[in-house]
Amino acid sequence: MLIAVILALAVGTYALRLAGVVLRDRLALPDGVSRLLPIAAATLLAALAVTAALTEAGAFAGFARPAGVLVGAVLAWRRAPFVAVVVAAAGTAALLRLLGVP
């Protein structure tokens, strides 16, 4: 049963991606919609990142995870190497949890 669900989702995902390529020249979007699509994609990505950073199992994740994300975001903004960003963010969250911060 689980394999059938996974296969159905895979086929659906592939069909949606293929429909975008096939229908690109046949479907004309209004100028307003064309301008809003990149903004909508960035907004959706930001919402997913915030949800993942602040919640766990539908409840607030505590202060250690958002603090780690904040440290990582600041380092990424300052153009630190990716490995340094990940290690600093994880280290911050781990240190805060070691100190008893939820």
Protein backbone atom coordinates (compact mmCIF):
# COMPACT_ATOMS: atom_id res chain seq x y z
CA MET A 1 0.00 0.00 0.00
CA LEU A 2 2.75 2.45 0.93
CA ILE A 3 4.63 1.75 -2.31
CA ALA A 4 1.46 2.46 -4.32
CA VAL A 5 1.03 5.83 -2.59
CA ILE A 6 4.67 6.74 -3.20
CA LEU A 7 4.39 5.76 -6.86
CA ALA A 8 1.15 7.75 -7.27
CA LEU A 9 2.77 10.85 -5.76
CA ALA A 10 5.82 10.40 -7.97
CA VAL A 11 3.69 10.12 -11.11
CA GLY A 12 1.63 13.15 -10.06
CA THR A 13 4.73 15.22 -9.41
CA TYR A 14 6.25 14.25 -12.74
CA ALA A 15 2.96 15.03 -14.54
CA LEU A 16 2.78 18.49 -12.98
CA ARG A 17 6.36 19.26 -14.01
CA LEU A 18 5.76 17.94 -17.51
CA ALA A 19 2.56 20.00 -17.81
CA GLY A 20 4.55 23.16 -17.09
CA VAL A 21 6.97 22.43 -19.92
CA VAL A 22 4.26 21.35 -22.37
CA LEU A 23 1.85 24.20 -21.62
CA ARG A 24 4.41 27.00 -21.39
CA ASP A 25 3.84 28.22 -24.95
CA ARG A 26 0.10 27.50 -25.01
CA LEU A 27 -0.86 29.36 -21.85
CA ALA A 28 -0.56 33.15 -21.75
CA LEU A 29 -0.56 34.65 -18.27
CA PRO A 30 -1.56 38.26 -17.64
CA ASP A 31 1.30 40.67 -16.89
CA GLY A 32 0.21 41.06 -13.26
CA VAL A 33 0.34 37.33 -12.65
CA SER A 34 3.74 37.06 -14.38
CA ARG A 35 5.14 39.71 -12.05
CA LEU A 36 3.70 38.10 -8.93
CA LEU A 37 4.89 34.51 -9.56
CA PRO A 38 8.52 35.05 -8.44
CA ILE A 39 7.31 36.95 -5.36
CA ALA A 40 4.88 34.13 -4.54
CA ALA A 41 7.65 31.54 -4.81
CA ALA A 42 9.92 33.52 -2.47
CA THR A 43 7.06 34.04 -0.01
CA LEU A 44 6.26 30.32 0.03
CA LEU A 45 9.92 29.43 0.62
CA ALA A 46 10.16 31.96 3.46
CA ALA A 47 6.98 30.61 5.07
CA LEU A 48 8.31 27.05 4.93
CA ALA A 49 11.62 28.13 6.46
CA VAL A 50 9.92 30.01 9.30
CA THR A 51 7.57 27.11 10.00
CA ALA A 52 10.46 24.64 10.11
CA ALA A 53 12.52 26.94 12.34
CA LEU A 54 9.82 27.75 14.88
CA THR A 55 7.62 24.66 15.19
CA GLU A 56 7.99 21.00 15.98
CA ALA A 57 5.01 18.62 15.93
CA GLY A 58 2.62 21.57 15.70
CA ALA A 59 3.95 23.36 18.77
CA PHE A 60 6.64 25.96 19.46
CA ALA A 61 10.07 24.35 19.13
CA GLY A 62 11.65 26.32 21.97
CA PHE A 63 14.25 29.06 21.85
CA ALA A 64 17.36 27.03 20.97
CA ARG A 65 16.36 26.24 17.38
CA PRO A 66 15.34 29.80 16.41
CA ALA A 67 18.54 31.10 18.00
CA GLY A 68 20.57 28.68 15.89
CA VAL A 69 18.67 29.71 12.77
CA LEU A 70 19.30 33.37 13.60
CA VAL A 71 23.04 32.77 13.99
CA GLY A 72 23.09 30.88 10.70
CA ALA A 73 21.11 33.62 8.93
CA VAL A 74 23.46 36.33 10.18
CA LEU A 75 26.52 34.39 9.08
CA ALA A 76 24.96 33.65 5.69
CA TRP A 77 24.10 37.34 5.31
CA ARG A 78 27.73 38.19 6.12
CA ARG A 79 28.73 35.69 3.37
CA ALA A 80 30.47 33.20 5.64
CA PRO A 81 31.38 29.82 4.13
CA PHE A 82 28.47 27.37 4.05
CA VAL A 83 30.18 24.88 6.36
CA ALA A 84 30.80 27.62 8.92
CA VAL A 85 27.14 28.68 8.74
CA VAL A 86 25.88 25.14 9.33
CA VAL A 87 28.37 24.35 12.10
CA ALA A 88 27.73 27.66 13.90
CA ALA A 89 23.96 27.28 13.70
CA ALA A 90 24.01 23.68 14.91
CA GLY A 91 26.59 24.50 17.58
CA THR A 92 24.52 27.39 18.88
CA ALA A 93 21.38 25.26 19.16
CA ALA A 94 23.31 22.39 20.74
CA LEU A 95 25.04 24.64 23.27
CA LEU A 96 21.78 26.29 24.28
CA ARG A 97 20.13 22.90 24.71
CA LEU A 98 23.12 21.70 26.74
CA LEU A 99 22.61 24.72 29.00
CA GLY A 100 18.96 23.75 29.48
CA VAL A 101 17.28 26.20 27.12
CA PRO A 102 14.34 24.41 25.47
